[in-house]
Amino acid sequence: MTDQHAEMPSDVHGRKGFFDRFAGSMATFVSRAPFFAFCVLLILIWAPTIALLQIDTWQLVINTATTIITFLMVALLQNTQTRNDEATQHKLNAIADGLADLMAHVGAGDAELEREIRELKLAVGIEERETTTSDSKAA
């Protein structure tokens, strides 16, 4: 058994770059009811223009704009989701590491408990790696 411990959530520093801060702010903004209401209002205003304005260019502009906005929103929301997943993984690793330490302390010398500790560490992978994203960064 090694002395390697998972990084504790309190050891993780919240230093985020500009894009991460921007993505977080946008995720908060677009997840609120007023933004949804704005989108519904925009659709209600836009929908009648299909019948009133038989201009193909207008529809092309609207369709292109909504596609671009959707594409950008997916990228921003994926960034936020990835950071949330990494934070959750840090917390799970810390819990599993703390539990393994507690099991080792309480059941020192118990062969069955030692086997369960190894299984726990193997299950969450804290012996070889801290998170699944660490492997991809190291490779």
Protein backbone atom coordinates (compact mmCIF):
# COMPACT_ATOMS: atom_id res chain seq x y z
CA MET A 1 0.00 0.00 0.00
CA THR A 2 1.32 3.47 -0.88
CA ASP A 3 1.10 6.70 1.06
CA GLN A 4 -0.28 8.52 -1.98
CA HIS A 5 -3.48 10.39 -1.12
CA ALA A 6 -6.12 11.88 -3.36
CA GLU A 7 -6.12 15.63 -3.61
CA MET A 8 -8.55 16.96 -1.05
CA PRO A 9 -11.26 19.38 -2.22
CA SER A 10 -9.82 22.02 0.15
CA ASP A 11 -6.46 21.66 -1.67
CA VAL A 12 -8.00 22.45 -5.04
CA HIS A 13 -7.67 26.14 -5.79
CA GLY A 14 -10.46 27.92 -7.59
CA ARG A 15 -8.18 29.70 -10.02
CA LYS A 16 -10.11 29.89 -13.25
CA GLY A 17 -9.11 31.51 -16.48
CA PHE A 18 -11.11 34.10 -18.37
CA PHE A 19 -12.95 31.52 -20.49
CA ASP A 20 -13.93 29.42 -17.45
CA ARG A 21 -15.27 32.49 -15.63
CA PHE A 22 -17.13 33.59 -18.78
CA ALA A 23 -18.59 30.11 -19.33
CA GLY A 24 -19.73 29.94 -15.70
CA SER A 25 -21.37 33.35 -15.89
CA MET A 26 -23.15 32.48 -19.13
CA ALA A 27 -24.31 29.12 -17.75
CA THR A 28 -25.80 30.93 -14.76
CA PHE A 29 -27.40 33.56 -16.99
CA VAL A 30 -29.01 31.15 -19.48
CA SER A 31 -30.28 28.80 -16.77
CA ARG A 32 -32.59 31.45 -15.30
CA ALA A 33 -36.29 31.86 -16.01
CA PRO A 34 -35.99 35.39 -17.48
CA PHE A 35 -33.67 34.13 -20.22
CA PHE A 36 -36.10 31.32 -21.05
CA ALA A 37 -38.98 33.82 -21.14
CA PHE A 38 -36.91 36.03 -23.47
CA CYS A 39 -36.34 33.05 -25.80
CA VAL A 40 -40.05 32.21 -25.85
CA LEU A 41 -40.91 35.86 -26.53
CA LEU A 42 -38.36 35.97 -29.34
CA ILE A 43 -39.93 32.89 -30.95
CA LEU A 44 -43.42 34.35 -30.59
CA ILE A 45 -42.28 37.52 -32.33
CA TRP A 46 -40.31 35.65 -35.01
CA ALA A 47 -42.89 32.96 -35.89
CA PRO A 48 -45.44 35.30 -37.56
CA THR A 49 -42.71 36.78 -39.75
CA ILE A 50 -42.59 33.48 -41.65
CA ALA A 51 -46.06 34.15 -43.05
CA LEU A 52 -45.79 37.95 -43.22
CA LEU A 53 -42.34 38.29 -44.71
CA GLN A 54 -41.86 35.89 -47.58
CA ILE A 55 -38.18 36.77 -47.77
CA ASP A 56 -35.82 33.82 -48.00
CA THR A 57 -32.85 35.94 -46.94
CA TRP A 58 -34.59 36.84 -43.67
CA GLN A 59 -35.17 33.17 -42.85
CA LEU A 60 -31.59 32.30 -43.77
CA VAL A 61 -30.26 35.02 -41.45
CA ILE A 62 -32.47 33.86 -38.57
CA ASN A 63 -31.59 30.18 -39.08
CA THR A 64 -27.86 30.93 -39.32
CA ALA A 65 -27.92 33.13 -36.21
CA THR A 66 -29.77 30.55 -34.12
CA THR A 67 -27.42 27.80 -35.27
CA ILE A 68 -24.35 29.83 -34.32
CA ILE A 69 -25.81 30.79 -30.94
CA THR A 70 -26.76 27.16 -30.23
CA PHE A 71 -23.27 25.96 -31.16
CA LEU A 72 -21.61 28.53 -28.88
CA MET A 73 -23.97 27.77 -25.99
CA VAL A 74 -23.21 24.05 -26.23
CA ALA A 75 -19.46 24.80 -26.01
CA LEU A 76 -19.94 27.08 -22.98
CA LEU A 77 -22.24 24.68 -21.16
CA GLN A 78 -19.93 21.73 -21.88
CA ASN A 79 -17.05 23.65 -20.29
CA THR A 80 -19.11 24.24 -17.18
CA GLN A 81 -20.25 20.60 -17.04
CA THR A 82 -16.67 19.33 -17.41
CA ARG A 83 -15.49 21.51 -14.53
CA ASN A 84 -18.41 20.29 -12.39
CA ASP A 85 -17.54 16.68 -13.22
CA GLU A 86 -13.91 17.25 -12.25
CA ALA A 87 -14.92 18.84 -8.94
CA THR A 88 -17.24 15.93 -8.19
CA GLN A 89 -14.45 13.47 -8.99
CA HIS A 90 -12.09 15.32 -6.60
CA LYS A 91 -14.69 15.05 -3.85
CA LEU A 92 -15.32 11.35 -4.49
CA ASN A 93 -11.59 10.64 -4.47
CA ALA A 94 -11.20 12.48 -1.17
CA ILE A 95 -14.11 10.55 0.38
CA ALA A 96 -12.75 7.21 -0.83
CA ASP A 97 -9.24 8.07 0.33
CA GLY A 98 -10.52 9.15 3.75
CA LEU A 99 -12.62 6.00 4.03
CA ALA A 100 -9.63 3.83 3.08
CA ASP A 101 -7.49 5.59 5.69
CA LEU A 102 -10.19 5.12 8.33
CA MET A 103 -10.58 1.45 7.43
CA ALA A 104 -6.79 0.99 7.64
CA HIS A 105 -6.64 2.73 11.02
CA VAL A 106 -9.59 0.89 12.55
CA GLY A 107 -8.79 -2.54 11.16
CA ALA A 108 -5.00 -2.58 11.25
CA GLY A 109 -3.84 -6.15 10.72
CA ASP A 110 -7.24 -7.45 9.55
CA ALA A 111 -6.58 -9.28 6.26
CA GLU A 112 -10.21 -9.03 5.08
CA LEU A 113 -10.26 -5.28 5.69
CA GLU A 114 -6.92 -4.86 3.89
CA ARG A 115 -8.43 -6.62 0.85
CA GLU A 116 -11.48 -4.34 0.97
CA ILE A 117 -9.23 -1.26 1.17
CA ARG A 118 -7.38 -2.41 -1.97
CA GLU A 119 -10.73 -3.02 -3.71
CA LEU A 120 -11.97 0.44 -2.72
CA LYS A 121 -8.83 2.13 -4.03
CA LEU A 122 -8.96 0.08 -7.21
CA ALA A 123 -12.63 0.90 -7.73
CA VAL A 124 -12.05 4.64 -7.69
CA GLY A 125 -8.56 4.49 -9.15
CA ILE A 126 -6.83 6.64 -6.55
CA GLU A 127 -3.72 4.45 -6.54
CA GLU A 128 -2.70 5.13 -10.15
CA ARG A 129 -4.53 8.36 -10.91
CA GLU A 130 -6.54 11.02 -9.23
CA THR A 131 -9.18 11.53 -11.90
CA THR A 132 -9.97 10.15 -15.30
CA THR A 133 -8.96 13.47 -16.85
CA SER A 134 -5.47 13.24 -15.33
CA ASP A 135 -4.72 10.22 -17.52
CA SER A 136 -5.63 12.09 -20.69
CA LYS A 137 -3.52 15.10 -19.66
CA ALA A 138 -0.51 12.94 -18.83
CA ALA A 139 -0.72 10.96 -22.09
